[in-house]
Amino acid sequence: MTRVLTVAERMAKVKALVCDVDGVLTDGRLNYLGDQEVKSFSVMDGFGITLAKEAGWQVALLTARGGAAVERRAAELSIHLETGQRKKGTAFLALCERFSLAPENVAYMGDDWLDLPAMQIAGIAATVPNAAAAVRNRAHWLSSLEGGHGAVREFIEAVLRVQGQLEPLLDRYLKGAGQ
């Protein structure tokens, strides 16, 4: 019988993060200004992604929707973006291959049913409290913050803490050497 890994054991293996956008990096609302879609992103999440990259992680956004705002945010953060992906399990495996990592080394953060196939494959599956119940029930880790309000940063910091990387990163910033 295979032993079930603890959340900390799963976190210790993380070398990459794949993240849904709507409902995770945003609050999940769709705002339209005429023909233009407007999205709000938390700077806290953006800085968390910066910390993950400084720790040597690969980071990608995986979304079924996409759009100009998402493309701009991915470009600002210098991270990979996969849009128009409704088969997220297949797309997640392709990203693992792109990163040259086994799925057990890649975290996934999602909030709705389309994310479940990727969450089942990922080394650790994270979600937000405003996620669909089926997603919350299948996640290994649940943020205390809602999507679009720093949940991604909270997850990244939790993983970095387990990996022993959070305090050294903080020390670099305290010394003025961050980024």
N, C-alpha and C. Protein backbone atom coordinates (compact mmCIF):
# COMPACT_ATOMS: atom_id res chain seq x y z
N MET A 1 0.84 -1.19 0.00
CA MET A 1 0.00 0.00 0.00
C MET A 1 0.88 1.25 0.00
N THR A 2 0.55 2.19 -0.85
CA THR A 2 1.32 3.42 -0.98
C THR A 2 0.96 4.38 0.14
N ARG A 3 1.98 4.95 0.77
CA ARG A 3 1.76 5.91 1.84
C ARG A 3 1.33 7.25 1.24
N VAL A 4 0.35 7.88 1.83
CA VAL A 4 -0.13 9.19 1.38
C VAL A 4 0.81 10.26 1.92
N LEU A 5 1.28 11.13 1.04
CA LEU A 5 2.18 12.20 1.45
C LEU A 5 1.44 13.27 2.24
N THR A 6 2.12 13.84 3.21
CA THR A 6 1.55 14.97 3.95
C THR A 6 1.63 16.21 3.06
N VAL A 7 0.91 17.24 3.45
CA VAL A 7 0.96 18.50 2.71
C VAL A 7 2.39 19.05 2.72
N ALA A 8 3.06 18.98 3.86
CA ALA A 8 4.43 19.49 3.94
C ALA A 8 5.36 18.69 3.03
N GLU A 9 5.20 17.38 2.95
CA GLU A 9 6.02 16.57 2.05
C GLU A 9 5.77 16.95 0.60
N ARG A 10 4.52 17.21 0.27
CA ARG A 10 4.18 17.65 -1.09
C ARG A 10 4.81 19.01 -1.38
N MET A 11 4.72 19.93 -0.42
CA MET A 11 5.29 21.28 -0.60
C MET A 11 6.80 21.22 -0.78
N ALA A 12 7.45 20.33 -0.07
CA ALA A 12 8.91 20.23 -0.13
C ALA A 12 9.41 19.89 -1.53
N LYS A 13 8.57 19.26 -2.35
CA LYS A 13 8.96 18.83 -3.69
C LYS A 13 8.71 19.87 -4.78
N VAL A 14 8.03 20.98 -4.46
CA VAL A 14 7.62 21.95 -5.47
C VAL A 14 8.82 22.68 -6.09
N LYS A 15 8.83 22.68 -7.43
CA LYS A 15 9.83 23.41 -8.21
C LYS A 15 9.17 24.31 -9.25
N ALA A 16 7.85 24.22 -9.34
CA ALA A 16 7.12 25.03 -10.32
C ALA A 16 5.68 25.20 -9.85
N LEU A 17 5.05 26.25 -10.35
CA LEU A 17 3.66 26.54 -10.04
C LEU A 17 2.92 26.83 -11.33
N VAL A 18 1.79 26.16 -11.50
CA VAL A 18 0.87 26.46 -12.60
C VAL A 18 -0.41 26.97 -11.94
N CYS A 19 -0.91 28.08 -12.44
CA CYS A 19 -2.00 28.77 -11.78
C CYS A 19 -3.10 29.13 -12.77
N ASP A 20 -4.34 28.86 -12.37
CA ASP A 20 -5.49 29.36 -13.11
C ASP A 20 -5.53 30.88 -12.92
N VAL A 21 -6.30 31.56 -13.73
CA VAL A 21 -6.37 33.02 -13.63
C VAL A 21 -7.68 33.46 -12.98
N ASP A 22 -8.80 33.30 -13.68
CA ASP A 22 -10.08 33.80 -13.18
C ASP A 22 -10.51 33.04 -11.93
N GLY A 23 -10.67 33.77 -10.83
CA GLY A 23 -11.06 33.17 -9.57
C GLY A 23 -9.89 32.82 -8.68
N VAL A 24 -8.67 32.87 -9.22
CA VAL A 24 -7.47 32.59 -8.43
C VAL A 24 -6.59 33.84 -8.38
N LEU A 25 -6.14 34.29 -9.55
CA LEU A 25 -5.38 35.55 -9.61
C LEU A 25 -6.31 36.76 -9.68
N THR A 26 -7.56 36.52 -9.99
CA THR A 26 -8.57 37.58 -9.97
C THR A 26 -9.70 37.12 -9.05
N ASP A 27 -10.64 37.99 -8.78
CA ASP A 27 -11.76 37.61 -7.91
C ASP A 27 -12.83 36.81 -8.66
N GLY A 28 -12.61 36.55 -9.92
CA GLY A 28 -13.53 35.73 -10.69
C GLY A 28 -14.65 36.48 -11.38
N ARG A 29 -14.76 37.77 -11.10
CA ARG A 29 -15.80 38.56 -11.76
C ARG A 29 -15.33 38.96 -13.15
N LEU A 30 -16.26 39.06 -14.07
CA LEU A 30 -15.98 39.56 -15.41
C LEU A 30 -16.55 40.97 -15.50
N ASN A 31 -15.69 41.93 -15.79
CA ASN A 31 -16.10 43.33 -15.92
C ASN A 31 -15.89 43.75 -17.36
N TYR A 32 -16.93 44.36 -17.93
CA TYR A 32 -16.86 44.81 -19.31
C TYR A 32 -16.99 46.32 -19.36
N LEU A 33 -16.13 46.93 -20.14
CA LEU A 33 -16.18 48.35 -20.42
C LEU A 33 -16.36 48.46 -21.93
N GLY A 34 -17.61 48.52 -22.36
CA GLY A 34 -17.90 48.44 -23.79
C GLY A 34 -17.52 47.05 -24.28
N ASP A 35 -16.66 46.98 -25.28
CA ASP A 35 -16.20 45.70 -25.81
C ASP A 35 -14.96 45.18 -25.10
N GLN A 36 -14.44 45.95 -24.16
CA GLN A 36 -13.19 45.60 -23.48
C GLN A 36 -13.47 44.87 -22.16
N GLU A 37 -12.72 43.79 -21.91
CA GLU A 37 -12.81 43.08 -20.64
C GLU A 37 -11.75 43.65 -19.70
N VAL A 38 -12.15 43.96 -18.48
CA VAL A 38 -11.25 44.54 -17.50
C VAL A 38 -11.09 43.56 -16.34
N LYS A 39 -9.85 43.30 -15.92
CA LYS A 39 -9.57 42.40 -14.80
C LYS A 39 -8.71 43.12 -13.79
N SER A 40 -8.89 42.76 -12.52
CA SER A 40 -8.07 43.29 -11.44
C SER A 40 -7.20 42.18 -10.89
N PHE A 41 -5.90 42.46 -10.75
CA PHE A 41 -4.93 41.52 -10.20
C PHE A 41 -4.35 42.11 -8.92
N SER A 42 -4.08 41.27 -7.95
CA SER A 42 -3.47 41.72 -6.71
C SER A 42 -1.96 41.85 -6.89
N VAL A 43 -1.41 42.99 -6.46
CA VAL A 43 0.05 43.15 -6.50
C VAL A 43 0.71 42.19 -5.53
N MET A 44 -0.02 41.78 -4.49
CA MET A 44 0.51 40.80 -3.53
C MET A 44 0.80 39.48 -4.25
N ASP A 45 -0.11 39.05 -5.09
CA ASP A 45 0.11 37.82 -5.85
C ASP A 45 1.28 37.98 -6.81
N GLY A 46 1.36 39.13 -7.45
CA GLY A 46 2.46 39.38 -8.37
C GLY A 46 3.80 39.30 -7.68
N PHE A 47 3.90 39.88 -6.48
CA PHE A 47 5.15 39.82 -5.75
C PHE A 47 5.43 38.39 -5.28
N GLY A 48 4.39 37.66 -4.92
CA GLY A 48 4.58 36.25 -4.56
C GLY A 48 5.18 35.47 -5.72
N ILE A 49 4.70 35.73 -6.93
CA ILE A 49 5.24 35.07 -8.12
C ILE A 49 6.69 35.47 -8.32
N THR A 50 7.01 36.73 -8.07
CA THR A 50 8.40 37.19 -8.13
C THR A 50 9.26 36.40 -7.15
N LEU A 51 8.77 36.20 -5.93
CA LEU A 51 9.51 35.43 -4.93
C LEU A 51 9.72 33.99 -5.38
N ALA A 52 8.68 33.39 -5.96
CA ALA A 52 8.79 32.01 -6.46
C ALA A 52 9.88 31.93 -7.52
N LYS A 53 9.89 32.89 -8.42
CA LYS A 53 10.92 32.91 -9.46
C LYS A 53 12.31 33.11 -8.86
N GLU A 54 12.43 33.98 -7.85
CA GLU A 54 13.71 34.18 -7.19
C GLU A 54 14.19 32.91 -6.50
N ALA A 55 13.24 32.08 -6.07
CA ALA A 55 13.58 30.81 -5.44
C ALA A 55 13.93 29.73 -6.47
N GLY A 56 13.83 30.09 -7.74
CA GLY A 56 14.21 29.16 -8.81
C GLY A 56 13.06 28.39 -9.43
N TRP A 57 11.84 28.73 -9.08
CA TRP A 57 10.67 28.05 -9.63
C TRP A 57 10.38 28.52 -11.06
N GLN A 58 9.76 27.63 -11.83
CA GLN A 58 9.10 27.99 -13.08
C GLN A 58 7.66 28.35 -12.71
N VAL A 59 7.08 29.31 -13.40
CA VAL A 59 5.69 29.71 -13.13
C VAL A 59 4.97 29.89 -14.45
N ALA A 60 3.74 29.38 -14.50
CA ALA A 60 2.91 29.53 -15.70
C ALA A 60 1.47 29.80 -15.30
N LEU A 61 0.78 30.52 -16.16
CA LEU A 61 -0.66 30.71 -16.03
C LEU A 61 -1.33 29.81 -17.05
N LEU A 62 -2.40 29.14 -16.62
CA LEU A 62 -3.14 28.22 -17.48
C LEU A 62 -4.61 28.60 -17.37
N THR A 63 -5.17 29.11 -18.46
CA THR A 63 -6.53 29.64 -18.41
C THR A 63 -7.35 29.24 -19.63
N ALA A 64 -8.62 29.08 -19.41
CA ALA A 64 -9.53 28.78 -20.51
C ALA A 64 -9.89 30.06 -21.27
N ARG A 65 -9.80 31.22 -20.62
CA ARG A 65 -10.25 32.46 -21.22
C ARG A 65 -9.14 33.27 -21.88
N GLY A 66 -8.23 33.80 -21.13
CA GLY A 66 -7.19 34.64 -21.69
C GLY A 66 -7.65 36.07 -21.87
N GLY A 67 -7.13 36.73 -22.87
CA GLY A 67 -7.48 38.12 -23.14
C GLY A 67 -6.30 39.05 -22.93
N ALA A 68 -6.47 40.28 -23.35
CA ALA A 68 -5.38 41.26 -23.32
C ALA A 68 -4.87 41.53 -21.91
N ALA A 69 -5.76 41.61 -20.93
CA ALA A 69 -5.34 41.89 -19.56
C ALA A 69 -4.47 40.76 -19.02
N VAL A 70 -4.84 39.52 -19.31
CA VAL A 70 -4.08 38.36 -18.85
C VAL A 70 -2.72 38.31 -19.55
N GLU A 71 -2.73 38.59 -20.83
CA GLU A 71 -1.46 38.62 -21.58
C GLU A 71 -0.54 39.69 -21.02
N ARG A 72 -1.08 40.84 -20.71
CA ARG A 72 -0.26 41.92 -20.15
C ARG A 72 0.31 41.52 -18.80
N ARG A 73 -0.52 40.91 -17.93
CA ARG A 73 -0.05 40.53 -16.59
C ARG A 73 1.04 39.47 -16.68
N ALA A 74 0.88 38.49 -17.53
CA ALA A 74 1.90 37.45 -17.71
C ALA A 74 3.20 38.07 -18.21
N ALA A 75 3.09 39.01 -19.14
CA ALA A 75 4.29 39.68 -19.67
C ALA A 75 4.97 40.50 -18.59
N GLU A 76 4.19 41.23 -17.78
CA GLU A 76 4.76 42.03 -16.69
C GLU A 76 5.53 41.15 -15.72
N LEU A 77 5.02 39.96 -15.46
CA LEU A 77 5.66 39.05 -14.51
C LEU A 77 6.70 38.15 -15.16
N SER A 78 6.82 38.23 -16.48
CA SER A 78 7.75 37.39 -17.25
C SER A 78 7.54 35.91 -16.96
N ILE A 79 6.28 35.50 -17.09
CA ILE A 79 5.93 34.09 -16.88
C ILE A 79 5.21 33.55 -18.11
N HIS A 80 5.22 32.24 -18.24
CA HIS A 80 4.60 31.58 -19.38
C HIS A 80 3.08 31.64 -19.26
N LEU A 81 2.40 31.77 -20.37
CA LEU A 81 0.94 31.84 -20.41
C LEU A 81 0.40 30.86 -21.43
N GLU A 82 -0.56 30.05 -21.00
CA GLU A 82 -1.32 29.15 -21.89
C GLU A 82 -2.77 29.57 -21.81
N THR A 83 -3.34 30.05 -22.92
CA THR A 83 -4.73 30.49 -22.94
C THR A 83 -5.58 29.56 -23.80
N GLY A 84 -6.89 29.66 -23.63
CA GLY A 84 -7.82 28.86 -24.42
C GLY A 84 -7.76 27.38 -24.10
N GLN A 85 -7.30 27.05 -22.91
CA GLN A 85 -7.11 25.64 -22.52
C GLN A 85 -8.26 25.16 -21.64
N ARG A 86 -9.16 24.40 -22.22
CA ARG A 86 -10.26 23.84 -21.44
C ARG A 86 -9.92 22.45 -20.92
N LYS A 87 -8.99 21.77 -21.55
CA LYS A 87 -8.53 20.45 -21.10
C LYS A 87 -7.27 20.67 -20.26
N LYS A 88 -7.49 21.08 -19.03
CA LYS A 88 -6.38 21.53 -18.20
C LYS A 88 -5.47 20.39 -17.73
N GLY A 89 -5.96 19.19 -17.63
CA GLY A 89 -5.10 18.07 -17.29
C GLY A 89 -4.04 17.85 -18.35
N THR A 90 -4.46 17.83 -19.60
CA THR A 90 -3.54 17.66 -20.73
C THR A 90 -2.57 18.83 -20.82
N ALA A 91 -3.09 20.05 -20.66
CA ALA A 91 -2.25 21.24 -20.73
C ALA A 91 -1.26 21.27 -19.57
N PHE A 92 -1.68 20.83 -18.38
CA PHE A 92 -0.78 20.77 -17.23
C PHE A 92 0.39 19.82 -17.50
N LEU A 93 0.09 18.66 -18.04
CA LEU A 93 1.15 17.69 -18.36
C LEU A 93 2.12 18.26 -19.40
N ALA A 94 1.60 19.01 -20.37
CA ALA A 94 2.47 19.65 -21.37
C ALA A 94 3.38 20.68 -20.71
N LEU A 95 2.86 21.40 -19.72
CA LEU A 95 3.70 22.38 -19.01
C LEU A 95 4.76 21.67 -18.17
N CYS A 96 4.41 20.54 -17.55
CA CYS A 96 5.41 19.76 -16.81
C CYS A 96 6.54 19.36 -17.75
N GLU A 97 6.17 18.92 -18.95
CA GLU A 97 7.16 18.54 -19.95
C GLU A 97 8.00 19.75 -20.36
N ARG A 98 7.36 20.88 -20.56
CA ARG A 98 8.06 22.12 -20.93
C ARG A 98 9.08 22.50 -19.85
N PHE A 99 8.70 22.30 -18.57
CA PHE A 99 9.58 22.62 -17.45
C PHE A 99 10.60 21.51 -17.17
N SER A 100 10.47 20.38 -17.87
CA SER A 100 11.30 19.19 -17.61
C SER A 100 11.19 18.74 -16.16
N LEU A 101 9.95 18.73 -15.67
CA LEU A 101 9.68 18.31 -14.29
C LEU A 101 8.59 17.25 -14.26
N ALA A 102 8.69 16.36 -13.29
CA ALA A 102 7.62 15.39 -13.05
C ALA A 102 6.44 16.13 -12.42
N PRO A 103 5.21 15.68 -12.67
CA PRO A 103 4.05 16.35 -12.08
C PRO A 103 4.13 16.48 -10.55
N GLU A 104 4.81 15.56 -9.89
CA GLU A 104 4.92 15.63 -8.42
C GLU A 104 5.72 16.85 -7.96
N ASN A 105 6.47 17.46 -8.87
CA ASN A 105 7.26 18.65 -8.55
C ASN A 105 6.58 19.95 -8.96
N VAL A 106 5.34 19.84 -9.43
CA VAL A 106 4.62 21.01 -9.91
C VAL A 106 3.33 21.18 -9.13
N ALA A 107 3.16 22.36 -8.56
CA ALA A 107 1.93 22.71 -7.84
C ALA A 107 0.92 23.27 -8.83
N TYR A 108 -0.36 23.10 -8.50
CA TYR A 108 -1.42 23.68 -9.32
C TYR A 108 -2.41 24.37 -8.40
N MET A 109 -2.81 25.59 -8.77
CA MET A 109 -3.80 26.32 -7.99
C MET A 109 -4.97 26.67 -8.90
N GLY A 110 -6.14 26.18 -8.56
CA GLY A 110 -7.34 26.40 -9.35
C GLY A 110 -8.55 26.59 -8.47
N ASP A 111 -9.69 26.87 -9.10
CA ASP A 111 -10.90 27.14 -8.31
C ASP A 111 -12.19 26.55 -8.86
N ASP A 112 -12.15 25.93 -10.04
CA ASP A 112 -13.42 25.44 -10.59
C ASP A 112 -13.24 24.08 -11.25
N TRP A 113 -14.32 23.51 -11.70
CA TRP A 113 -14.31 22.13 -12.19
C TRP A 113 -13.31 21.90 -13.32
N LEU A 114 -13.12 22.90 -14.20
CA LEU A 114 -12.15 22.72 -15.28
C LEU A 114 -10.74 22.47 -14.74
N ASP A 115 -10.46 22.91 -13.52
CA ASP A 115 -9.14 22.76 -12.92
C ASP A 115 -8.92 21.38 -12.30
N LEU A 116 -9.98 20.63 -12.06
CA LEU A 116 -9.87 19.35 -11.35
C LEU A 116 -8.92 18.35 -12.01
N PRO A 117 -8.93 18.16 -13.33
CA PRO A 117 -7.98 17.20 -13.91
C PRO A 117 -6.52 17.57 -13.63
N ALA A 118 -6.18 18.85 -13.70
CA ALA A 118 -4.81 19.28 -13.39
C ALA A 118 -4.51 19.10 -11.91
N MET A 119 -5.48 19.41 -11.07
CA MET A 119 -5.29 19.27 -9.63
C MET A 119 -5.05 17.81 -9.23
N GLN A 120 -5.71 16.88 -9.92
CA GLN A 120 -5.52 15.46 -9.61
C GLN A 120 -4.13 14.97 -9.97
N ILE A 121 -3.49 15.60 -10.94
CA ILE A 121 -2.18 15.19 -11.43
C ILE A 121 -1.06 15.87 -10.64
N ALA A 122 -1.29 17.10 -10.20
CA ALA A 122 -0.25 17.92 -9.58
C ALA A 122 0.29 17.29 -8.30
N GLY A 123 1.54 17.64 -8.00
CA GLY A 123 2.14 17.18 -6.76
C GLY A 123 1.42 17.72 -5.54
N ILE A 124 0.94 18.95 -5.64
CA ILE A 124 0.10 19.54 -4.60
C ILE A 124 -0.94 20.42 -5.29
N ALA A 125 -2.17 20.28 -4.87
CA ALA A 125 -3.28 21.05 -5.43
C ALA A 125 -3.75 22.05 -4.38
N ALA A 126 -3.78 23.32 -4.77
CA ALA A 126 -4.19 24.39 -3.87
C ALA A 126 -5.43 25.08 -4.43
N THR A 127 -6.19 25.68 -3.53
CA THR A 127 -7.38 26.41 -3.97
C THR A 127 -7.68 27.54 -3.01
N VAL A 128 -8.76 28.24 -3.30
CA VAL A 128 -9.20 29.41 -2.55
C VAL A 128 -10.54 29.11 -1.89
N PRO A 129 -10.89 29.84 -0.81
CA PRO A 129 -12.14 29.55 -0.11
C PRO A 129 -13.40 29.79 -0.94
N ASN A 130 -13.32 30.65 -1.95
CA ASN A 130 -14.49 30.90 -2.80
C ASN A 130 -14.52 29.98 -4.02
N ALA A 131 -13.73 28.92 -3.99
CA ALA A 131 -13.74 27.92 -5.07
C ALA A 131 -15.01 27.08 -4.99
N ALA A 132 -15.31 26.39 -6.08
CA ALA A 132 -16.43 25.45 -6.09
C ALA A 132 -16.19 24.38 -5.02
N ALA A 133 -17.25 23.91 -4.40
CA ALA A 133 -17.14 22.93 -3.31
C ALA A 133 -16.37 21.68 -3.74
N ALA A 134 -16.62 21.20 -4.95
CA ALA A 134 -15.92 20.00 -5.44
C ALA A 134 -14.42 20.22 -5.50
N VAL A 135 -14.00 21.44 -5.77
CA VAL A 135 -12.58 21.77 -5.83
C VAL A 135 -12.01 21.87 -4.42
N ARG A 136 -12.70 22.57 -3.54
CA ARG A 136 -12.23 22.67 -2.14
C ARG A 136 -12.07 21.28 -1.52
N ASN A 137 -13.01 20.40 -1.82
CA ASN A 137 -12.99 19.05 -1.24
C ASN A 137 -11.84 18.19 -1.76
N ARG A 138 -11.27 18.54 -2.89
CA ARG A 138 -10.21 17.74 -3.50
C ARG A 138 -8.82 18.39 -3.40
N ALA A 139 -8.75 19.57 -2.87
CA ALA A 139 -7.47 20.27 -2.76
C ALA A 139 -6.68 19.75 -1.55
N HIS A 140 -5.36 19.83 -1.66
CA HIS A 140 -4.49 19.49 -0.54
C HIS A 140 -4.33 20.67 0.41
N TRP A 141 -4.45 21.88 -0.15
CA TRP A 141 -4.21 23.10 0.62
C TRP A 141 -5.26 24.15 0.26
N LEU A 142 -5.78 24.84 1.28
CA LEU A 142 -6.81 25.85 1.10
C LEU A 142 -6.30 27.18 1.65
N SER A 143 -6.30 28.20 0.82
CA SER A 143 -5.90 29.54 1.24
C SER A 143 -6.91 30.10 2.22
N SER A 144 -6.46 31.01 3.07
CA SER A 144 -7.39 31.75 3.92
C SER A 144 -7.91 32.99 3.20
N LEU A 145 -7.28 33.31 2.06
CA LEU A 145 -7.64 34.50 1.28
C LEU A 145 -8.37 34.10 0.00
N GLU A 146 -9.32 34.91 -0.40
CA GLU A 146 -10.07 34.62 -1.62
C GLU A 146 -9.24 34.93 -2.86
N GLY A 147 -9.67 34.35 -3.98
CA GLY A 147 -9.02 34.61 -5.25
C GLY A 147 -8.98 36.10 -5.55
N GLY A 148 -7.85 36.57 -6.06
CA GLY A 148 -7.69 37.97 -6.39
C GLY A 148 -7.32 38.84 -5.21
N HIS A 149 -7.10 38.23 -4.04
CA HIS A 149 -6.82 38.99 -2.82
C HIS A 149 -5.58 38.49 -2.09
N GLY A 150 -4.61 37.96 -2.84
CA GLY A 150 -3.36 37.52 -2.23
C GLY A 150 -3.26 36.03 -1.94
N ALA A 151 -4.20 35.24 -2.42
CA ALA A 151 -4.19 33.80 -2.16
C ALA A 151 -2.98 33.10 -2.76
N VAL A 152 -2.58 33.51 -3.95
CA VAL A 152 -1.42 32.90 -4.62
C VAL A 152 -0.16 33.21 -3.80
N ARG A 153 -0.02 34.44 -3.36
CA ARG A 153 1.13 34.82 -2.52
C ARG A 153 1.14 34.00 -1.24
N GLU A 154 -0.02 33.84 -0.62
CA GLU A 154 -0.09 33.06 0.62
C GLU A 154 0.39 31.63 0.39
N PHE A 155 -0.03 31.03 -0.71
CA PHE A 155 0.39 29.66 -1.03
C PHE A 155 1.90 29.60 -1.28
N ILE A 156 2.39 30.52 -2.08
CA ILE A 156 3.83 30.52 -2.40
C ILE A 156 4.65 30.67 -1.12
N GLU A 157 4.26 31.59 -0.26
CA GLU A 157 5.00 31.77 0.99
C GLU A 157 4.94 30.53 1.86
N ALA A 158 3.79 29.85 1.90
CA ALA A 158 3.67 28.62 2.69
C ALA A 158 4.64 27.56 2.18
N VAL A 159 4.72 27.42 0.86
CA VAL A 159 5.63 26.43 0.27
C VAL A 159 7.09 26.83 0.53
N LEU A 160 7.41 28.08 0.31
CA LEU A 160 8.78 28.55 0.53
C LEU A 160 9.19 28.38 2.00
N ARG A 161 8.24 28.58 2.93
CA ARG A 161 8.53 28.38 4.35
C ARG A 161 8.90 26.92 4.61
N VAL A 162 8.10 26.00 4.09
CA VAL A 162 8.38 24.56 4.26
C VAL A 162 9.74 24.21 3.65
N GLN A 163 10.06 24.80 2.52
CA GLN A 163 11.32 24.51 1.83
C GLN A 163 12.52 25.21 2.46
N GLY A 164 12.29 26.03 3.47
CA GLY A 164 13.39 26.76 4.12
C GLY A 164 13.92 27.92 3.29
N GLN A 165 13.14 28.38 2.33
CA GLN A 165 13.60 29.46 1.44
C GLN A 165 12.99 30.82 1.77
N LEU A 166 11.94 30.84 2.57
CA LEU A 166 11.25 32.11 2.82
C LEU A 166 12.12 33.08 3.62
N GLU A 167 12.71 32.64 4.72
CA GLU A 167 13.53 33.54 5.55
C GLU A 167 14.77 34.05 4.81
N PRO A 168 15.48 33.20 4.06
CA PRO A 168 16.61 33.74 3.29
C PRO A 168 16.19 34.80 2.27
N LEU A 169 15.03 34.61 1.63
CA LEU A 169 14.54 35.62 0.69
C LEU A 169 14.20 36.91 1.44
N LEU A 170 13.54 36.78 2.58
CA LEU A 170 13.20 37.95 3.38
C LEU A 170 14.46 38.67 3.82
N ASP A 171 15.48 37.93 4.24
CA ASP A 171 16.75 38.54 4.66
C ASP A 171 17.37 39.35 3.52
N ARG A 172 17.31 38.82 2.30
CA ARG A 172 17.84 39.56 1.15
C ARG A 172 17.13 40.91 0.99
N TYR A 173 15.81 40.91 1.18
CA TYR A 173 15.05 42.16 1.05
C TYR A 173 15.35 43.10 2.22
N LEU A 174 15.53 42.54 3.42
CA LEU A 174 15.87 43.38 4.57
C LEU A 174 17.21 44.07 4.38
N LYS A 175 18.12 43.42 3.64
CA LYS A 175 19.44 43.98 3.36
C LYS A 175 19.43 44.85 2.11
N GLY A 176 18.26 44.99 1.48
CA GLY A 176 18.15 45.84 0.29
C GLY A 176 18.65 45.18 -0.99
N ALA A 177 18.81 43.85 -0.96
CA ALA A 177 19.35 43.15 -2.13
C ALA A 177 18.28 42.38 -2.91
N GLY A 178 17.04 42.55 -2.55
CA GLY A 178 15.97 41.81 -3.26
C GLY A 178 15.74 42.34 -4.65
N GLN A 179 15.33 41.44 -5.53
CA GLN A 179 14.99 41.72 -6.93
C GLN A 179 16.15 42.34 -7.62
